[in-house]
Each structure stands twice: as structure tokens, then as C-alpha cells.
């Protein structure tokens, strides 16, 4: 499976920022916003790096549905599977 990713590195070292959209396959606003942000970002003025995944749930995105057709656990919802405070019990 291939997932589109853009990595934009600045001229100088600095923090790394990760952004992703489309955790739910039919929510396109994040994907659009990431593409718009990257088009307007000037790499020559960037310190650090931006790692962008415009469509994280690529199989749901391709099928225009909220959940991936291949997800069977947790109702197929990617969001509660991320680590951190909001992590769902398995």
C-alpha cells in the first residue's frame, strides 16, 4: 500500500512538524488544507522540517467512506488507535 507523503526541509535545522489529514476517509477538509498550506510554504524561509500526509486513511479516501474497508477492529476507526491520552482500550 502506498500513502502519499511530502517532506519539506528548511535550509537550517529546527523542529520537525508532522501533519496529517483524512483520518476518516470521507473528511477531505484536512487534505485540502494540507495541500494549500504546502503550496504557500516557502522552503527557503523554513527552519526544520515538515512531514505531511494529506490522506492518512488512504483506503477509506479511495472508497469515499469514513472507515477503511479493511479495518475490522474498533469498528474500523483509526482515530482512537493513536497513542496518547485519548487512546482507546483494546
PDB file of N, CA and C in Angstrom:
ATOM      1  N   UNK A   1       0.836  -1.164   0.000  1.00  0.00           N
ATOM      2  CA  UNK A   1       0.000   0.000   0.000  1.00  0.00           C
ATOM      3  C   UNK A   1       0.886   1.233   0.000  1.00  0.00           C
ATOM      4  N   UNK A   2       0.539   2.196  -0.783  1.00  0.00           N
ATOM      5  CA  UNK A   2       1.285   3.448  -0.846  1.00  0.00           C
ATOM      6  C   UNK A   2       0.424   4.569  -0.277  1.00  0.00           C
ATOM      7  N   UNK A   3       1.057   5.416   0.519  1.00  0.00           N
ATOM      8  CA  UNK A   3       0.385   6.584   1.081  1.00  0.00           C
ATOM      9  C   UNK A   3       1.199   7.798   0.663  1.00  0.00           C
ATOM     10  N   UNK A   4       0.551   8.810   0.080  1.00  0.00           N
ATOM     11  CA  UNK A   4       1.301   9.997  -0.332  1.00  0.00           C
ATOM     12  C   UNK A   4       1.878  10.737   0.872  1.00  0.00           C
ATOM     13  N   UNK A   5       3.123  11.158   0.741  1.00  0.00           N
ATOM     14  CA  UNK A   5       3.788  11.915   1.798  1.00  0.00           C
ATOM     15  C   UNK A   5       4.651  12.995   1.152  1.00  0.00           C
ATOM     16  N   UNK A   6       4.675  14.160   1.782  1.00  0.00           N
ATOM     17  CA  UNK A   6       5.549  15.246   1.346  1.00  0.00           C
ATOM     18  C   UNK A   6       6.444  15.611   2.515  1.00  0.00           C
ATOM     19  N   UNK A   7       7.736  15.698   2.258  1.00  0.00           N
ATOM     20  CA  UNK A   7       8.694  16.127   3.272  1.00  0.00           C
ATOM     21  C   UNK A   7       9.365  17.390   2.751  1.00  0.00           C
ATOM     22  N   UNK A   8       9.224  18.455   3.515  1.00  0.00           N
ATOM     23  CA  UNK A   8       9.810  19.727   3.126  1.00  0.00           C
ATOM     24  C   UNK A   8      10.845  20.114   4.180  1.00  0.00           C
ATOM     25  N   UNK A   9      12.092  20.219   3.750  1.00  0.00           N
ATOM     26  CA  UNK A   9      13.184  20.545   4.667  1.00  0.00           C
ATOM     27  C   UNK A   9      13.623  21.987   4.451  1.00  0.00           C
ATOM     28  N   UNK A  10      13.835  22.656   5.567  1.00  0.00           N
ATOM     29  CA  UNK A  10      14.324  24.023   5.501  1.00  0.00           C
ATOM     30  C   UNK A  10      15.825  24.064   5.310  1.00  0.00           C
ATOM     31  N   UNK A  11      16.338  25.254   5.125  1.00  0.00           N
ATOM     32  CA  UNK A  11      17.789  25.426   4.949  1.00  0.00           C
ATOM     33  C   UNK A  11      18.553  25.207   6.240  1.00  0.00           C
ATOM     34  N   UNK A  12      17.871  25.431   7.355  1.00  0.00           N
ATOM     35  CA  UNK A  12      18.518  25.289   8.662  1.00  0.00           C
ATOM     36  C   UNK A  12      17.821  24.209   9.468  1.00  0.00           C
ATOM     37  N   UNK A  13      18.570  23.642  10.423  1.00  0.00           N
ATOM     38  CA  UNK A  13      17.978  22.675  11.334  1.00  0.00           C
ATOM     39  C   UNK A  13      16.936  23.349  12.211  1.00  0.00           C
ATOM     40  N   UNK A  14      16.008  22.560  12.688  1.00  0.00           N
ATOM     41  CA  UNK A  14      14.959  23.065  13.560  1.00  0.00           C
ATOM     42  C   UNK A  14      13.999  21.939  13.892  1.00  0.00           C
ATOM     43  N   UNK A  15      12.852  22.292  14.426  1.00  0.00           N
ATOM     44  CA  UNK A  15      11.885  21.260  14.813  1.00  0.00           C
ATOM     45  C   UNK A  15      11.289  20.549  13.602  1.00  0.00           C
ATOM     46  N   UNK A  16      10.770  19.372  13.849  1.00  0.00           N
ATOM     47  CA  UNK A  16      10.049  18.612  12.834  1.00  0.00           C
ATOM     48  C   UNK A  16       8.565  18.684  13.184  1.00  0.00           C
ATOM     49  N   UNK A  17       7.766  19.081  12.200  1.00  0.00           N
ATOM     50  CA  UNK A  17       6.322  19.168  12.388  1.00  0.00           C
ATOM     51  C   UNK A  17       5.669  18.107  11.517  1.00  0.00           C
ATOM     52  N   UNK A  18       4.816  17.301  12.131  1.00  0.00           N
ATOM     53  CA  UNK A  18       4.063  16.253  11.432  1.00  0.00           C
ATOM     54  C   UNK A  18       2.627  16.729  11.304  1.00  0.00           C
ATOM     55  N   UNK A  19       2.089  16.693  10.093  1.00  0.00           N
ATOM     56  CA  UNK A  19       0.673  16.992   9.898  1.00  0.00           C
ATOM     57  C   UNK A  19       0.053  15.894   9.042  1.00  0.00           C
ATOM     58  N   UNK A  20      -1.164  15.524   9.369  1.00  0.00           N
ATOM     59  CA  UNK A  20      -1.870  14.548   8.547  1.00  0.00           C
ATOM     60  C   UNK A  20      -3.344  14.904   8.473  1.00  0.00           C
ATOM     61  N   UNK A  21      -3.947  14.470   7.412  1.00  0.00           N
ATOM     62  CA  UNK A  21      -5.370  14.688   7.200  1.00  0.00           C
ATOM     63  C   UNK A  21      -6.032  13.389   6.827  1.00  0.00           C
ATOM     64  N   UNK A  22      -7.333  13.445   6.771  1.00  0.00           N
ATOM     65  CA  UNK A  22      -8.138  12.327   6.280  1.00  0.00           C
ATOM     66  C   UNK A  22      -7.947  11.062   7.112  1.00  0.00           C
ATOM     67  N   UNK A  23      -8.003  11.216   8.434  1.00  0.00           N
ATOM     68  CA  UNK A  23      -8.037  10.034   9.302  1.00  0.00           C
ATOM     69  C   UNK A  23      -9.301   9.245   8.986  1.00  0.00           C
ATOM     70  N   UNK A  24     -10.385   9.975   8.763  1.00  0.00           N
ATOM     71  CA  UNK A  24     -11.616   9.360   8.272  1.00  0.00           C
ATOM     72  C   UNK A  24     -11.679   9.645   6.775  1.00  0.00           C
ATOM     73  N   UNK A  25     -11.812   8.601   5.997  1.00  0.00           N
ATOM     74  CA  UNK A  25     -11.648   8.677   4.549  1.00  0.00           C
ATOM     75  C   UNK A  25     -12.510   9.667   3.807  1.00  0.00           C
ATOM     76  N   UNK A  26     -13.655  10.034   4.375  1.00  0.00           N
ATOM     77  CA  UNK A  26     -14.534  10.959   3.666  1.00  0.00           C
ATOM     78  C   UNK A  26     -14.493  12.368   4.255  1.00  0.00           C
ATOM     79  N   UNK A  27     -13.482  12.669   5.028  1.00  0.00           N
ATOM     80  CA  UNK A  27     -13.306  14.015   5.574  1.00  0.00           C
ATOM     81  C   UNK A  27     -12.148  14.688   4.840  1.00  0.00           C
ATOM     82  N   UNK A  28     -12.479  15.412   3.798  1.00  0.00           N
ATOM     83  CA  UNK A  28     -11.478  15.937   2.875  1.00  0.00           C
ATOM     84  C   UNK A  28     -10.918  17.294   3.266  1.00  0.00           C
ATOM     85  N   UNK A  29     -11.502  17.966   4.251  1.00  0.00           N
ATOM     86  CA  UNK A  29     -11.065  19.331   4.565  1.00  0.00           C
ATOM     87  C   UNK A  29      -9.597  19.361   4.999  1.00  0.00           C
ATOM     88  N   UNK A  30      -9.132  18.376   5.764  1.00  0.00           N
ATOM     89  CA  UNK A  30      -7.731  18.333   6.168  1.00  0.00           C
ATOM     90  C   UNK A  30      -6.799  18.127   4.992  1.00  0.00           C
ATOM     91  N   UNK A  31      -7.194  17.268   4.074  1.00  0.00           N
ATOM     92  CA  UNK A  31      -6.389  17.010   2.875  1.00  0.00           C
ATOM     93  C   UNK A  31      -6.243  18.286   2.055  1.00  0.00           C
ATOM     94  N   UNK A  32      -7.346  18.972   1.839  1.00  0.00           N
ATOM     95  CA  UNK A  32      -7.322  20.234   1.098  1.00  0.00           C
ATOM     96  C   UNK A  32      -6.440  21.262   1.806  1.00  0.00           C
ATOM     97  N   UNK A  33      -6.604  21.375   3.112  1.00  0.00           N
ATOM     98  CA  UNK A  33      -5.849  22.357   3.891  1.00  0.00           C
ATOM     99  C   UNK A  33      -4.354  22.076   3.862  1.00  0.00           C
ATOM    100  N   UNK A  34      -3.967  20.828   3.939  1.00  0.00           N
ATOM    101  CA  UNK A  34      -2.541  20.469   3.881  1.00  0.00           C
ATOM    102  C   UNK A  34      -1.951  20.849   2.524  1.00  0.00           C
ATOM    103  N   UNK A  35      -2.663  20.537   1.449  1.00  0.00           N
ATOM    104  CA  UNK A  35      -2.159  20.906   0.114  1.00  0.00           C
ATOM    105  C   UNK A  35      -2.032  22.422  -0.024  1.00  0.00           C
ATOM    106  N   UNK A  36      -3.013  23.153   0.461  1.00  0.00           N
ATOM    107  CA  UNK A  36      -2.978  24.616   0.409  1.00  0.00           C
ATOM    108  C   UNK A  36      -1.798  25.151   1.227  1.00  0.00           C
ATOM    109  N   UNK A  37      -1.615  24.627   2.431  1.00  0.00           N
ATOM    110  CA  UNK A  37      -0.513  25.035   3.303  1.00  0.00           C
ATOM    111  C   UNK A  37       0.840  24.793   2.644  1.00  0.00           C
ATOM    112  N   UNK A  38       1.031  23.624   2.056  1.00  0.00           N
ATOM    113  CA  UNK A  38       2.314  23.292   1.427  1.00  0.00           C
ATOM    114  C   UNK A  38       2.600  24.175   0.214  1.00  0.00           C
ATOM    115  N   UNK A  39       1.560  24.498  -0.568  1.00  0.00           N
ATOM    116  CA  UNK A  39       1.753  25.384  -1.731  1.00  0.00           C
ATOM    117  C   UNK A  39       2.184  26.781  -1.301  1.00  0.00           C
ATOM    118  N   UNK A  40       1.710  27.220  -0.132  1.00  0.00           N
ATOM    119  CA  UNK A  40       2.016  28.574   0.330  1.00  0.00           C
ATOM    120  C   UNK A  40       3.279  28.654   1.180  1.00  0.00           C
ATOM    121  N   UNK A  41       3.846  27.528   1.554  1.00  0.00           N
ATOM    122  CA  UNK A  41       5.032  27.496   2.410  1.00  0.00           C
ATOM    123  C   UNK A  41       6.286  27.732   1.572  1.00  0.00           C
ATOM    124  N   UNK A  42       7.126  28.634   2.038  1.00  0.00           N
ATOM    125  CA  UNK A  42       8.371  28.936   1.345  1.00  0.00           C
ATOM    126  C   UNK A  42       9.509  28.165   2.008  1.00  0.00           C
ATOM    127  N   UNK A  43      10.028  27.125   1.355  1.00  0.00           N
ATOM    128  CA  UNK A  43      11.077  26.308   1.964  1.00  0.00           C
ATOM    129  C   UNK A  43      12.333  27.106   2.321  1.00  0.00           C
ATOM    130  N   UNK A  44      12.613  28.182   1.594  1.00  0.00           N
ATOM    131  CA  UNK A  44      13.821  28.959   1.871  1.00  0.00           C
ATOM    132  C   UNK A  44      13.725  29.707   3.201  1.00  0.00           C
ATOM    133  N   UNK A  45      12.525  29.904   3.707  1.00  0.00           N
ATOM    134  CA  UNK A  45      12.364  30.585   4.994  1.00  0.00           C
ATOM    135  C   UNK A  45      12.102  29.606   6.135  1.00  0.00           C
ATOM    136  N   UNK A  46      12.128  28.322   5.841  1.00  0.00           N
ATOM    137  CA  UNK A  46      11.798  27.288   6.822  1.00  0.00           C
ATOM    138  C   UNK A  46      13.020  26.872   7.622  1.00  0.00           C
ATOM    139  N   UNK A  47      12.846  26.766   8.926  1.00  0.00           N
ATOM    140  CA  UNK A  47      13.863  26.185   9.806  1.00  0.00           C
ATOM    141  C   UNK A  47      13.288  24.887  10.330  1.00  0.00           C
ATOM    142  N   UNK A  48      13.899  23.776   9.979  1.00  0.00           N
ATOM    143  CA  UNK A  48      13.386  22.473  10.393  1.00  0.00           C
ATOM    144  C   UNK A  48      12.763  21.747   9.228  1.00  0.00           C
ATOM    145  N   UNK A  49      11.731  20.996   9.534  1.00  0.00           N
ATOM    146  CA  UNK A  49      11.168  20.086   8.543  1.00  0.00           C
ATOM    147  C   UNK A  49       9.667  19.944   8.758  1.00  0.00           C
ATOM    148  N   UNK A  50       8.931  19.802   7.667  1.00  0.00           N
ATOM    149  CA  UNK A  50       7.504  19.498   7.710  1.00  0.00           C
ATOM    150  C   UNK A  50       7.302  18.146   7.035  1.00  0.00           C
ATOM    151  N   UNK A  51       6.666  17.234   7.741  1.00  0.00           N
ATOM    152  CA  UNK A  51       6.299  15.930   7.193  1.00  0.00           C
ATOM    153  C   UNK A  51       4.780  15.934   7.079  1.00  0.00           C
ATOM    154  N   UNK A  52       4.259  15.799   5.867  1.00  0.00           N
ATOM    155  CA  UNK A  52       2.822  15.915   5.637  1.00  0.00           C
ATOM    156  C   UNK A  52       2.269  14.676   4.944  1.00  0.00           C
ATOM    157  N   UNK A  53       1.226  14.119   5.522  1.00  0.00           N
ATOM    158  CA  UNK A  53       0.477  13.014   4.924  1.00  0.00           C
ATOM    159  C   UNK A  53      -0.953  13.505   4.707  1.00  0.00           C
ATOM    160  N   UNK A  54      -1.287  13.943   3.498  1.00  0.00           N
ATOM    161  CA  UNK A  54      -2.597  14.533   3.253  1.00  0.00           C
ATOM    162  C   UNK A  54      -3.767  13.556   3.402  1.00  0.00           C
ATOM    163  N   UNK A  55      -3.545  12.276   3.152  1.00  0.00           N
ATOM    164  CA  UNK A  55      -4.620  11.281   3.252  1.00  0.00           C
ATOM    165  C   UNK A  55      -4.089  10.071   4.021  1.00  0.00           C
ATOM    166  N   UNK A  56      -4.194  10.127   5.341  1.00  0.00           N
ATOM    167  CA  UNK A  56      -3.677   9.042   6.176  1.00  0.00           C
ATOM    168  C   UNK A  56      -4.463   7.745   5.953  1.00  0.00           C
ATOM    169  N   UNK A  57      -5.767   7.839   5.894  1.00  0.00           N
ATOM    170  CA  UNK A  57      -6.619   6.662   5.668  1.00  0.00           C
ATOM    171  C   UNK A  57      -6.866   6.527   4.167  1.00  0.00           C
ATOM    172  N   UNK A  58      -5.847   6.103   3.469  1.00  0.00           N
ATOM    173  CA  UNK A  58      -5.888   6.112   2.002  1.00  0.00           C
ATOM    174  C   UNK A  58      -6.954   5.169   1.447  1.00  0.00           C
ATOM    175  N   UNK A  59      -7.190   4.026   2.078  1.00  0.00           N
ATOM    176  CA  UNK A  59      -8.202   3.098   1.547  1.00  0.00           C
ATOM    177  C   UNK A  59      -9.609   3.649   1.745  1.00  0.00           C
ATOM    178  N   UNK A  60      -9.876   4.299   2.866  1.00  0.00           N
ATOM    179  CA  UNK A  60     -11.167   4.958   3.059  1.00  0.00           C
ATOM    180  C   UNK A  60     -11.321   6.130   2.101  1.00  0.00           C
ATOM    181  N   UNK A  61     -10.248   6.883   1.900  1.00  0.00           N
ATOM    182  CA  UNK A  61     -10.237   8.023   0.980  1.00  0.00           C
ATOM    183  C   UNK A  61     -10.578   7.572  -0.443  1.00  0.00           C
ATOM    184  N   UNK A  62      -9.945   6.496  -0.867  1.00  0.00           N
ATOM    185  CA  UNK A  62     -10.175   5.997  -2.226  1.00  0.00           C
ATOM    186  C   UNK A  62     -11.609   5.508  -2.426  1.00  0.00           C
ATOM    187  N   UNK A  63     -12.223   4.997  -1.365  1.00  0.00           N
ATOM    188  CA  UNK A  63     -13.595   4.479  -1.439  1.00  0.00           C
ATOM    189  C   UNK A  63     -14.647   5.520  -1.065  1.00  0.00           C
ATOM    190  N   UNK A  64     -14.196   6.742  -0.684  1.00  0.00           N
ATOM    191  CA  UNK A  64     -15.100   7.804  -0.252  1.00  0.00           C
ATOM    192  C   UNK A  64     -16.005   7.336   0.892  1.00  0.00           C
ATOM    193  N   UNK A  65     -15.387   6.696   1.873  1.00  0.00           N
ATOM    194  CA  UNK A  65     -16.131   6.257   3.042  1.00  0.00           C
ATOM    195  C   UNK A  65     -15.319   6.538   4.292  1.00  0.00           C
ATOM    196  N   UNK A  66     -15.982   6.686   5.417  1.00  0.00           N
ATOM    197  CA  UNK A  66     -15.347   7.073   6.671  1.00  0.00           C
ATOM    198  C   UNK A  66     -14.266   6.076   7.097  1.00  0.00           C
ATOM    199  N   UNK A  67     -14.583   4.818   7.096  1.00  0.00           N
ATOM    200  CA  UNK A  67     -13.662   3.784   7.565  1.00  0.00           C
ATOM    201  C   UNK A  67     -13.045   3.042   6.387  1.00  0.00           C
ATOM    202  N   UNK A  68     -11.867   2.518   6.618  1.00  0.00           N
ATOM    203  CA  UNK A  68     -11.220   1.696   5.606  1.00  0.00           C
ATOM    204  C   UNK A  68     -12.004   0.399   5.439  1.00  0.00           C
ATOM    205  N   UNK A  69     -12.171  -0.076   4.225  1.00  0.00           N
ATOM    206  CA  UNK A  69     -12.863  -1.351   4.030  1.00  0.00           C
ATOM    207  C   UNK A  69     -12.081  -2.533   4.599  1.00  0.00           C
ATOM    208  N   UNK A  70     -10.826  -2.328   4.974  1.00  0.00           N
ATOM    209  CA  UNK A  70     -10.001  -3.404   5.509  1.00  0.00           C
ATOM    210  C   UNK A  70      -9.910  -3.391   7.028  1.00  0.00           C
ATOM    211  N   UNK A  71     -10.508  -2.411   7.683  1.00  0.00           N
ATOM    212  CA  UNK A  71     -10.435  -2.286   9.137  1.00  0.00           C
ATOM    213  C   UNK A  71     -11.531  -3.130   9.765  1.00  0.00           C
ATOM    214  N   UNK A  72     -11.157  -4.048  10.636  1.00  0.00           N
ATOM    215  CA  UNK A  72     -12.138  -4.878  11.316  1.00  0.00           C
ATOM    216  C   UNK A  72     -12.198  -4.632  12.807  1.00  0.00           C
ATOM    217  N   UNK A  73     -11.130  -4.088  13.360  1.00  0.00           N
ATOM    218  CA  UNK A  73     -11.077  -3.869  14.810  1.00  0.00           C
ATOM    219  C   UNK A  73     -11.539  -2.454  15.140  1.00  0.00           C
ATOM    220  N   UNK A  74     -12.069  -2.280  16.308  1.00  0.00           N
ATOM    221  CA  UNK A  74     -12.514  -0.982  16.819  1.00  0.00           C
ATOM    222  C   UNK A  74     -13.492  -0.302  15.857  1.00  0.00           C
ATOM    223  N   UNK A  75     -14.265  -1.084  15.143  1.00  0.00           N
ATOM    224  CA  UNK A  75     -15.209  -0.518  14.195  1.00  0.00           C
ATOM    225  C   UNK A  75     -14.542   0.129  12.997  1.00  0.00           C
ATOM    226  N   UNK A  76     -13.234  -0.076  12.833  1.00  0.00           N
ATOM    227  CA  UNK A  76     -12.517   0.481  11.694  1.00  0.00           C
ATOM    228  C   UNK A  76     -12.122   1.932  11.849  1.00  0.00           C
ATOM    229  N   UNK A  77     -12.254   2.496  13.046  1.00  0.00           N
ATOM    230  CA  UNK A  77     -11.955   3.911  13.264  1.00  0.00           C
ATOM    231  C   UNK A  77     -10.502   4.079  13.682  1.00  0.00           C
ATOM    232  N   UNK A  78      -9.701   4.770  12.865  1.00  0.00           N
ATOM    233  CA  UNK A  78      -8.278   4.961  13.162  1.00  0.00           C
ATOM    234  C   UNK A  78      -8.032   5.894  14.345  1.00  0.00           C
ATOM    235  N   UNK A  79      -8.900   6.889  14.521  1.00  0.00           N
ATOM    236  CA  UNK A  79      -8.638   7.952  15.492  1.00  0.00           C
ATOM    237  C   UNK A  79      -8.300   7.446  16.896  1.00  0.00           C
ATOM    238  N   UNK A  80      -9.075   6.548  17.506  1.00  0.00           N
ATOM    239  CA  UNK A  80      -8.749   6.146  18.879  1.00  0.00           C
ATOM    240  C   UNK A  80      -7.538   5.210  18.976  1.00  0.00           C
ATOM    241  N   UNK A  81      -6.922   4.876  17.868  1.00  0.00           N
ATOM    242  CA  UNK A  81      -5.769   3.982  17.903  1.00  0.00           C
ATOM    243  C   UNK A  81      -4.449   4.712  18.055  1.00  0.00           C
ATOM    244  N   UNK A  82      -4.470   6.056  17.981  1.00  0.00           N
ATOM    245  CA  UNK A  82      -3.240   6.821  18.141  1.00  0.00           C
ATOM    246  C   UNK A  82      -2.823   6.807  19.603  1.00  0.00           C
ATOM    247  N   UNK A  83      -1.531   6.786  19.881  1.00  0.00           N
ATOM    248  CA  UNK A  83      -1.078   6.815  21.270  1.00  0.00           C
ATOM    249  C   UNK A  83      -1.361   8.158  21.927  1.00  0.00           C
ATOM    250  N   UNK A  84      -1.408   8.162  23.235  1.00  0.00           N
ATOM    251  CA  UNK A  84      -1.637   9.390  23.982  1.00  0.00           C
ATOM    252  C   UNK A  84      -2.836   9.265  24.893  1.00  0.00           C
ATOM    253  N   UNK A  85      -3.268  10.359  25.478  1.00  0.00           N
ATOM    254  CA  UNK A  85      -4.353  10.349  26.429  1.00  0.00           C
ATOM    255  C   UNK A  85      -5.663   9.814  25.843  1.00  0.00           C
ATOM    256  N   UNK A  86      -5.933  10.096  24.612  1.00  0.00           N
ATOM    257  CA  UNK A  86      -7.198   9.681  24.013  1.00  0.00           C
ATOM    258  C   UNK A  86      -7.227   8.248  23.535  1.00  0.00           C
ATOM    259  N   UNK A  87      -6.207   7.493  23.833  1.00  0.00           N
ATOM    260  CA  UNK A  87      -6.104   6.126  23.326  1.00  0.00           C
ATOM    261  C   UNK A  87      -7.211   5.240  23.875  1.00  0.00           C
ATOM    262  N   UNK A  88      -7.854   4.523  22.999  1.00  0.00           N
ATOM    263  CA  UNK A  88      -8.943   3.624  23.393  1.00  0.00           C
ATOM    264  C   UNK A  88      -8.373   2.320  23.947  1.00  0.00           C
ATOM    265  N   UNK A  89      -9.098   1.716  24.848  1.00  0.00           N
ATOM    266  CA  UNK A  89      -8.688   0.409  25.397  1.00  0.00           C
ATOM    267  C   UNK A  89      -8.941  -0.661  24.340  1.00  0.00           C
ATOM    268  N   UNK A  90      -8.038  -1.618  24.262  1.00  0.00           N
ATOM    269  CA  UNK A  90      -8.180  -2.706  23.266  1.00  0.00           C
ATOM    270  C   UNK A  90      -8.390  -4.014  23.975  1.00  0.00           C
TER     271      UNK A  90
END
